[in-house]
Amino acid sequence: MKKLVIFYDDTKQSCCDYVSEFEKYGNVDVRKASEHRDKSMIFATGASIGLVFESKNGKIPYEISHVIWRLIADKKESHMILVTGGSRELKAIQTAKNEMEQRGYQVKNVYSKYTLQKRKLEGAAAVEGILEDLAEGREHIFPRERFRHMTKKERRRHMRNELKAYRKYVKNEEKKLMEG
């Protein structure tokens, strides 16, 4: 696998947990986004870029946005975004993906805590799955191939059920936070 450079939000424990798992691999270079806050250009050529952050009500943390704005990397590489939780994480993913694509970077692997839990991947297994996807060139964007052959009615039903499952997941996560 090619080299992977990960920029992460070091103020959140969930990000630090995932990054500690990424550090165990030799081809992964981990950088704190807060260390690059005052730099006008951030060089990461010859590698794929990974962004690891926690959503802040559907927004990207400023440090990660600054990295996206100042990043100089290979535009032909496929890059990765991992949102480790927070509120409105799907909106944060979309925002980060759009900002990267505006800069000309191809984001082909998008992960959230919810999608990883749906695949029954957590911790080290999740990191291993992400690195396998990147190594084999598998795209992990919300699947579109599955929807091509569905009718509009089937698509709406599927999306409605998926939204219900996501809302249930969020409600359960909030209960866990309130209890413990």
Protein backbone atom coordinates (compact mmCIF):
# COMPACT_ATOMS: atom_id res chain seq x y z
CA MET A 1 0.00 0.00 0.00
CA LYS A 2 1.10 3.54 -0.67
CA LYS A 3 1.84 5.96 2.11
CA LEU A 4 -1.07 7.51 4.02
CA VAL A 5 -0.81 10.89 5.79
CA ILE A 6 -3.49 11.44 8.42
CA PHE A 7 -4.41 14.85 9.81
CA TYR A 8 -6.51 14.62 12.95
CA ASP A 9 -8.23 16.77 15.55
CA ASP A 10 -6.12 16.15 18.66
CA THR A 11 -8.62 17.80 21.03
CA LYS A 12 -11.11 14.91 20.81
CA GLN A 13 -10.47 11.58 22.52
CA SER A 14 -12.35 9.56 19.88
CA CYS A 15 -9.99 10.89 17.19
CA CYS A 16 -6.93 10.12 19.29
CA ASP A 17 -8.17 6.54 19.84
CA TYR A 18 -8.47 5.87 16.10
CA VAL A 19 -5.16 7.57 15.38
CA SER A 20 -3.37 5.45 17.97
CA GLU A 21 -4.54 2.41 15.99
CA PHE A 22 -3.38 3.95 12.70
CA GLU A 23 0.08 4.64 14.17
CA LYS A 24 0.73 0.92 14.53
CA TYR A 25 1.12 0.61 10.77
CA GLY A 26 4.44 1.55 9.18
CA ASN A 27 3.11 3.24 6.06
CA VAL A 28 0.93 5.70 8.00
CA ASP A 29 2.21 9.16 8.94
CA VAL A 30 0.10 10.86 11.61
CA ARG A 31 0.02 14.64 12.04
CA LYS A 32 -1.91 16.83 14.46
CA ALA A 33 -4.02 19.41 12.65
CA SER A 34 -3.41 21.96 15.43
CA GLU A 35 0.33 21.96 14.68
CA HIS A 36 -0.39 23.16 11.13
CA ARG A 37 -2.69 25.99 12.14
CA ASP A 38 -0.15 28.75 11.52
CA LYS A 39 1.31 27.35 8.30
CA SER A 40 0.42 28.87 4.96
CA MET A 41 1.16 25.67 2.98
CA ILE A 42 1.03 22.05 4.08
CA PHE A 43 2.89 19.60 1.87
CA ALA A 44 1.87 15.94 1.71
CA THR A 45 2.85 14.84 -1.79
CA GLY A 46 3.32 11.22 -2.78
CA ALA A 47 0.68 9.95 -0.38
CA SER A 48 -3.02 9.60 0.18
CA ILE A 49 -4.54 12.02 2.67
CA GLY A 50 -6.76 11.04 5.57
CA LEU A 51 -8.82 13.41 7.69
CA VAL A 52 -9.99 12.20 11.12
CA PHE A 53 -12.27 14.49 13.10
CA GLU A 54 -15.42 14.68 15.17
CA SER A 55 -18.41 16.58 13.85
CA LYS A 56 -19.43 19.79 15.60
CA ASN A 57 -23.15 20.04 14.82
CA GLY A 58 -22.56 19.22 11.16
CA LYS A 59 -19.51 21.43 10.82
CA ILE A 60 -15.82 20.64 10.40
CA PRO A 61 -13.43 21.78 13.16
CA TYR A 62 -11.46 24.88 12.14
CA GLU A 63 -8.09 23.07 12.30
CA ILE A 64 -9.25 20.46 9.78
CA SER A 65 -10.73 23.13 7.50
CA HIS A 66 -7.42 24.99 7.65
CA VAL A 67 -5.59 21.81 6.60
CA ILE A 68 -7.97 21.36 3.64
CA TRP A 69 -7.51 24.96 2.52
CA ARG A 70 -3.70 24.90 2.78
CA LEU A 71 -3.02 21.33 1.65
CA ILE A 72 -0.77 20.59 -1.32
CA ALA A 73 -1.05 16.92 -2.27
CA ASP A 74 -1.48 14.62 -5.25
CA LYS A 75 -4.80 15.23 -6.96
CA LYS A 76 -4.84 11.80 -8.60
CA GLU A 77 -4.66 9.90 -5.30
CA SER A 78 -7.82 8.75 -3.58
CA HIS A 79 -8.24 10.34 -0.17
CA MET A 80 -10.12 9.32 2.98
CA ILE A 81 -12.40 11.02 5.53
CA LEU A 82 -13.30 9.48 8.90
CA VAL A 83 -15.79 11.17 11.23
CA THR A 84 -15.52 9.62 14.68
CA GLY A 85 -18.85 10.85 16.02
CA GLY A 86 -20.51 14.07 17.06
CA SER A 87 -23.84 15.49 16.05
CA ARG A 88 -24.89 15.53 12.40
CA GLU A 89 -21.89 13.52 11.29
CA LEU A 90 -23.33 12.83 7.84
CA LYS A 91 -23.60 16.55 7.14
CA ALA A 92 -19.99 17.02 8.29
CA ILE A 93 -18.88 14.26 5.91
CA GLN A 94 -20.65 15.94 3.02
CA THR A 95 -19.14 19.32 3.88
CA ALA A 96 -15.59 17.92 4.13
CA LYS A 97 -16.00 15.94 0.91
CA ASN A 98 -17.27 19.03 -0.95
CA GLU A 99 -14.39 21.17 0.33
CA MET A 100 -11.84 18.55 -0.75
CA GLU A 101 -13.47 18.22 -4.18
CA GLN A 102 -13.49 22.00 -4.63
CA ARG A 103 -9.72 21.86 -4.18
CA GLY A 104 -9.54 19.08 -6.80
CA TYR A 105 -8.90 16.12 -4.48
CA GLN A 106 -10.74 12.84 -5.07
CA VAL A 107 -12.38 11.54 -1.90
CA LYS A 108 -13.28 7.93 -2.54
CA ASN A 109 -13.35 6.58 1.00
CA VAL A 110 -15.79 8.10 3.47
CA TYR A 111 -16.43 6.61 6.91
CA SER A 112 -18.43 7.56 9.97
CA LYS A 113 -18.79 5.92 13.34
CA TYR A 114 -22.28 4.82 12.30
CA THR A 115 -21.22 3.18 9.03
CA LEU A 116 -18.34 1.37 10.75
CA GLN A 117 -20.69 0.03 13.42
CA LYS A 118 -23.11 -1.13 10.71
CA ARG A 119 -20.24 -3.14 9.22
CA LYS A 120 -19.54 -4.43 12.77
CA LEU A 121 -16.09 -2.84 12.82
CA GLU A 122 -14.70 -1.04 15.85
CA GLY A 123 -11.26 0.01 17.01
CA ALA A 124 -8.40 -1.97 15.46
CA ALA A 125 -10.72 -3.91 13.13
CA ALA A 126 -12.15 -0.65 11.76
CA VAL A 127 -8.68 0.75 11.08
CA GLU A 128 -7.64 -2.50 9.42
CA GLY A 129 -10.77 -2.42 7.23
CA ILE A 130 -10.10 1.18 6.21
CA LEU A 131 -6.49 0.43 5.30
CA GLU A 132 -7.57 -2.65 3.30
CA ASP A 133 -10.07 -0.54 1.35
CA LEU A 134 -7.34 1.99 0.55
CA ALA A 135 -4.77 -0.67 -0.36
CA GLU A 136 -7.09 -2.57 -2.69
CA GLY A 137 -8.47 0.58 -4.26
CA ARG A 138 -12.03 -0.16 -3.17
CA GLU A 139 -14.21 2.89 -3.03
CA HIS A 140 -16.24 3.31 0.11
CA ILE A 141 -18.71 6.03 -0.68
CA PHE A 142 -22.33 5.56 0.12
CA PRO A 143 -23.26 2.85 -2.40
CA ARG A 144 -24.96 3.99 -5.56
CA GLU A 145 -24.78 0.79 -7.62
CA ARG A 146 -27.40 -0.79 -5.42
CA PHE A 147 -29.86 2.02 -6.20
CA ARG A 148 -29.47 2.01 -9.98
CA HIS A 149 -31.74 -0.97 -10.51
CA MET A 150 -34.40 0.08 -8.00
CA THR A 151 -37.59 1.89 -8.83
CA LYS A 152 -38.23 5.28 -7.26
CA LYS A 153 -40.65 3.75 -4.79
CA GLU A 154 -38.15 1.10 -3.69
CA ARG A 155 -35.43 3.76 -3.37
CA ARG A 156 -37.63 5.96 -1.18
CA ARG A 157 -38.60 3.01 1.00
CA HIS A 158 -34.98 1.99 1.41
CA MET A 159 -33.89 5.54 2.27
CA ARG A 160 -36.76 5.96 4.73
CA ASN A 161 -35.83 2.71 6.50
CA GLU A 162 -32.17 3.73 6.57
CA LEU A 163 -33.10 7.10 8.07
CA LYS A 164 -35.23 5.38 10.73
CA ALA A 165 -32.32 3.10 11.62
CA TYR A 166 -29.97 6.06 11.86
CA ARG A 167 -32.36 8.02 14.09
CA LYS A 168 -32.72 4.97 16.34
CA TYR A 169 -28.94 4.69 16.51
CA VAL A 170 -28.59 8.37 17.48
CA LYS A 171 -31.29 8.01 20.14
CA ASN A 172 -29.53 4.96 21.63
CA GLU A 173 -26.17 6.79 21.64
CA GLU A 174 -27.77 9.72 23.49
CA LYS A 175 -29.25 7.31 26.06
CA LYS A 176 -25.84 5.75 26.63
CA LEU A 177 -24.32 9.18 27.21
CA MET A 178 -27.07 10.14 29.66
CA GLU A 179 -26.76 6.89 31.64
CA GLY A 180 -22.99 6.65 31.88
